[in-house]
Amino acid sequence: MPMDTQPASLSNGMFWAGWIISGLVMLFLAFDGVTKIIKVAPVVEASEKLGIPPHTLLAIGIVLLACTTVYSIPRTAVLGAILLTGASASVKGYALSAPFAMGKFALRGLAQSLARELQPQGIHVAHFVIDGGIRSANRPEPADKPDSMLDPDGIALSYLQVLQQPRNAWAWEIELRPWVERF
């Protein structure tokens, strides 16, 4: 954002901190996109382990670079939402998972605080609790338990639905789980 568009309510330090953090995000996203486009071996291997076919990496990389470009343009950077992904541990800790639960509890608290701070400025902040296993090529669903795992397309649809919510009915937290998951 050019200096002449700096909101009067921001201190100079906050303004530059925002630019530095945004710059780091842009560098990370650009790096991630480029490594997918040129198909760096560790990226291809990690993607395959996650069930992402290597032939989709080019498209994912292009989308990442396009999103990074839109994010880097000041007039479009504040349009949209901040969507954070948590897990069951965001709302309940399990034995032997204290470090993971602490991080997820902290992420949930961050989402709630950001929602209260940024939503009055027109930025939708939402936290997604992913409560269950996610089906993939490397993690297929048991044949005797149909629909017992989260479908990646269903998760993506839920994120899209949150983005399409009217601002007079924004949700700050959504829990996603398969119908057979206990909670």
Protein backbone atom coordinates (compact mmCIF):
# COMPACT_ATOMS: atom_id res chain seq x y z
CA MET A 1 0.00 0.00 0.00
CA PRO A 2 1.55 3.33 -1.01
CA MET A 3 2.48 5.72 1.79
CA ASP A 4 -0.25 8.18 0.80
CA THR A 5 -2.91 5.50 1.41
CA GLN A 6 -1.73 4.65 4.93
CA PRO A 7 -4.72 4.85 7.29
CA ALA A 8 -4.37 7.67 9.80
CA SER A 9 -5.11 5.28 12.69
CA LEU A 10 -1.98 3.17 12.05
CA SER A 11 1.30 4.06 13.66
CA ASN A 12 4.34 4.13 11.40
CA GLY A 13 5.71 1.01 13.14
CA MET A 14 2.49 -0.93 12.62
CA PHE A 15 2.38 0.13 9.00
CA TRP A 16 5.91 -1.14 8.30
CA ALA A 17 5.36 -4.30 10.36
CA GLY A 18 2.35 -5.02 8.17
CA TRP A 19 4.44 -4.53 5.03
CA ILE A 20 7.22 -6.79 6.32
CA ILE A 21 4.80 -9.57 7.30
CA SER A 22 2.99 -9.24 3.96
CA GLY A 23 6.34 -9.38 2.15
CA LEU A 24 7.27 -12.59 3.95
CA VAL A 25 3.90 -14.13 3.06
CA MET A 26 4.36 -13.10 -0.58
CA LEU A 27 7.88 -14.57 -0.69
CA PHE A 28 6.69 -17.84 0.82
CA LEU A 29 3.75 -18.14 -1.58
CA ALA A 30 5.89 -17.24 -4.59
CA PHE A 31 8.57 -19.76 -3.57
CA ASP A 32 5.92 -22.44 -3.04
CA GLY A 33 4.35 -21.73 -6.43
CA VAL A 34 7.65 -21.75 -8.30
CA THR A 35 8.82 -25.02 -6.68
CA LYS A 36 5.59 -26.64 -7.83
CA ILE A 37 5.88 -25.28 -11.37
CA ILE A 38 9.47 -26.43 -11.84
CA LYS A 39 8.68 -29.67 -9.97
CA VAL A 40 11.51 -29.73 -7.43
CA ALA A 41 12.06 -33.37 -6.41
CA PRO A 42 11.32 -32.99 -2.64
CA VAL A 43 8.12 -31.06 -3.46
CA VAL A 44 6.96 -33.78 -5.88
CA GLU A 45 7.74 -36.50 -3.32
CA ALA A 46 5.94 -34.68 -0.50
CA SER A 47 2.94 -34.01 -2.74
CA GLU A 48 2.71 -37.67 -3.70
CA LYS A 49 2.81 -38.66 -0.02
CA LEU A 50 -0.12 -36.29 0.56
CA GLY A 51 -2.03 -37.87 -2.30
CA ILE A 52 -1.56 -34.98 -4.74
CA PRO A 53 -0.79 -36.33 -8.20
CA PRO A 54 2.39 -34.84 -9.72
CA HIS A 55 0.57 -33.85 -12.93
CA THR A 56 -1.52 -31.33 -10.91
CA LEU A 57 1.49 -29.45 -9.51
CA LEU A 58 1.79 -27.12 -12.50
CA ALA A 59 -1.82 -25.96 -12.11
CA ILE A 60 -1.44 -25.60 -8.33
CA GLY A 61 1.75 -23.57 -8.83
CA ILE A 62 0.07 -21.26 -11.33
CA VAL A 63 -2.89 -20.70 -9.00
CA LEU A 64 -0.50 -19.96 -6.12
CA LEU A 65 1.39 -17.38 -8.20
CA ALA A 66 -1.88 -15.81 -9.38
CA CYS A 67 -3.13 -15.57 -5.78
CA THR A 68 0.20 -14.12 -4.70
CA THR A 69 -0.07 -11.49 -7.42
CA VAL A 70 -3.59 -10.52 -6.34
CA TYR A 71 -2.48 -10.45 -2.69
CA SER A 72 0.46 -8.21 -3.51
CA ILE A 73 -1.70 -5.52 -5.14
CA PRO A 74 -2.69 -3.20 -2.28
CA ARG A 75 -6.20 -2.45 -3.52
CA THR A 76 -7.04 -6.16 -3.72
CA ALA A 77 -5.05 -7.36 -0.72
CA VAL A 78 -7.72 -6.41 1.82
CA LEU A 79 -10.60 -7.91 -0.14
CA GLY A 80 -11.57 -11.36 1.00
CA ALA A 81 -10.92 -13.38 4.06
CA ILE A 82 -8.43 -15.00 6.36
CA LEU A 83 -9.23 -18.70 6.66
CA LEU A 84 -7.33 -20.71 9.26
CA THR A 85 -7.34 -24.49 9.51
CA GLY A 86 -7.36 -26.23 12.87
CA ALA A 87 -8.01 -29.76 14.01
CA SER A 88 -9.93 -31.59 16.73
CA ALA A 89 -7.15 -30.49 19.08
CA SER A 90 -8.30 -26.88 18.59
CA VAL A 91 -11.20 -27.55 20.96
CA LYS A 92 -10.15 -30.66 22.93
CA GLY A 93 -6.76 -31.94 23.95
CA TYR A 94 -5.85 -35.61 23.84
CA ALA A 95 -3.41 -37.61 25.94
CA LEU A 96 0.17 -37.41 24.65
CA SER A 97 -0.66 -34.54 22.27
CA ALA A 98 0.02 -31.49 24.43
CA PRO A 99 2.39 -29.70 21.99
CA PHE A 100 -0.02 -30.17 19.08
CA ALA A 101 -3.04 -29.14 21.19
CA MET A 102 -1.26 -26.01 22.44
CA GLY A 103 -0.57 -24.88 18.88
CA LYS A 104 -4.11 -25.58 17.72
CA PHE A 105 -5.66 -23.90 20.79
CA ALA A 106 -3.46 -20.87 20.05
CA LEU A 107 -4.52 -20.83 16.40
CA ARG A 108 -8.18 -20.89 17.46
CA GLY A 109 -7.59 -18.00 19.86
CA LEU A 110 -5.80 -16.07 17.13
CA ALA A 111 -8.74 -16.64 14.76
CA GLN A 112 -11.24 -15.43 17.34
CA SER A 113 -9.19 -12.34 18.17
CA LEU A 114 -8.59 -11.52 14.50
CA ALA A 115 -12.29 -11.97 13.76
CA ARG A 116 -13.24 -9.46 16.44
CA GLU A 117 -10.56 -7.03 15.29
CA LEU A 118 -10.84 -7.30 11.51
CA GLN A 119 -14.48 -8.12 10.80
CA PRO A 120 -15.60 -4.55 11.60
CA GLN A 121 -13.14 -3.51 8.86
CA GLY A 122 -14.82 -5.84 6.34
CA ILE A 123 -12.34 -8.73 6.52
CA HIS A 124 -13.97 -12.10 7.17
CA VAL A 125 -11.91 -14.29 9.50
CA ALA A 126 -12.90 -17.92 9.96
CA HIS A 127 -11.42 -20.95 11.72
CA PHE A 128 -12.11 -24.46 10.43
CA VAL A 129 -11.92 -27.42 12.80
CA ILE A 130 -11.12 -30.49 10.71
CA ASP A 131 -12.34 -33.33 12.97
CA GLY A 132 -11.59 -36.60 11.22
CA GLY A 133 -9.36 -38.34 8.75
CA ILE A 134 -9.13 -36.93 5.23
CA ARG A 135 -9.49 -39.37 2.36
CA SER A 136 -6.70 -39.38 -0.25
CA ALA A 137 -5.09 -41.73 -2.75
CA ASN A 138 -2.59 -42.76 -0.07
CA ARG A 139 -5.25 -42.97 2.63
CA PRO A 140 -8.32 -44.62 1.11
CA GLU A 141 -11.57 -45.05 2.94
CA PRO A 142 -12.26 -48.50 4.43
CA ALA A 143 -14.59 -50.43 2.12
CA ASP A 144 -16.80 -51.46 5.05
CA LYS A 145 -17.19 -47.81 6.25
CA PRO A 146 -18.40 -45.65 3.36
CA ASP A 147 -18.30 -41.88 3.94
CA SER A 148 -16.34 -42.37 7.16
CA MET A 149 -13.58 -39.97 6.10
CA LEU A 150 -13.67 -36.33 5.08
CA ASP A 151 -13.71 -35.76 1.35
CA PRO A 152 -11.21 -33.07 0.20
CA ASP A 153 -13.79 -31.72 -2.26
CA GLY A 154 -16.35 -31.45 0.54
CA ILE A 155 -13.83 -29.55 2.68
CA ALA A 156 -13.07 -27.18 -0.22
CA LEU A 157 -16.79 -26.62 -0.77
CA SER A 158 -17.22 -25.67 2.89
CA TYR A 159 -14.39 -23.12 2.61
CA LEU A 160 -16.01 -21.70 -0.52
CA GLN A 161 -19.40 -21.49 1.21
CA VAL A 162 -17.86 -19.52 4.08
CA LEU A 163 -16.29 -17.12 1.57
CA GLN A 164 -19.72 -16.59 0.03
CA GLN A 165 -21.49 -15.77 3.32
CA PRO A 166 -23.12 -12.34 3.44
CA ARG A 167 -21.35 -10.08 5.92
CA ASN A 168 -24.50 -9.80 8.04
CA ALA A 169 -24.21 -13.55 8.79
CA TRP A 170 -20.49 -14.36 8.98
CA ALA A 171 -19.40 -17.49 10.83
CA TRP A 172 -16.06 -17.28 12.64
CA GLU A 173 -15.77 -21.03 13.25
CA ILE A 174 -16.92 -24.11 11.36
CA GLU A 175 -16.41 -27.72 12.46
CA LEU A 176 -16.19 -30.32 9.70
CA ARG A 177 -16.46 -34.03 10.43
CA PRO A 178 -17.81 -37.12 8.68
CA TRP A 179 -21.26 -38.13 9.80
CA VAL A 180 -19.91 -41.16 11.72
CA GLU A 181 -17.27 -39.22 13.69
CA ARG A 182 -18.00 -38.95 17.42
CA PHE A 183 -17.73 -35.55 19.07
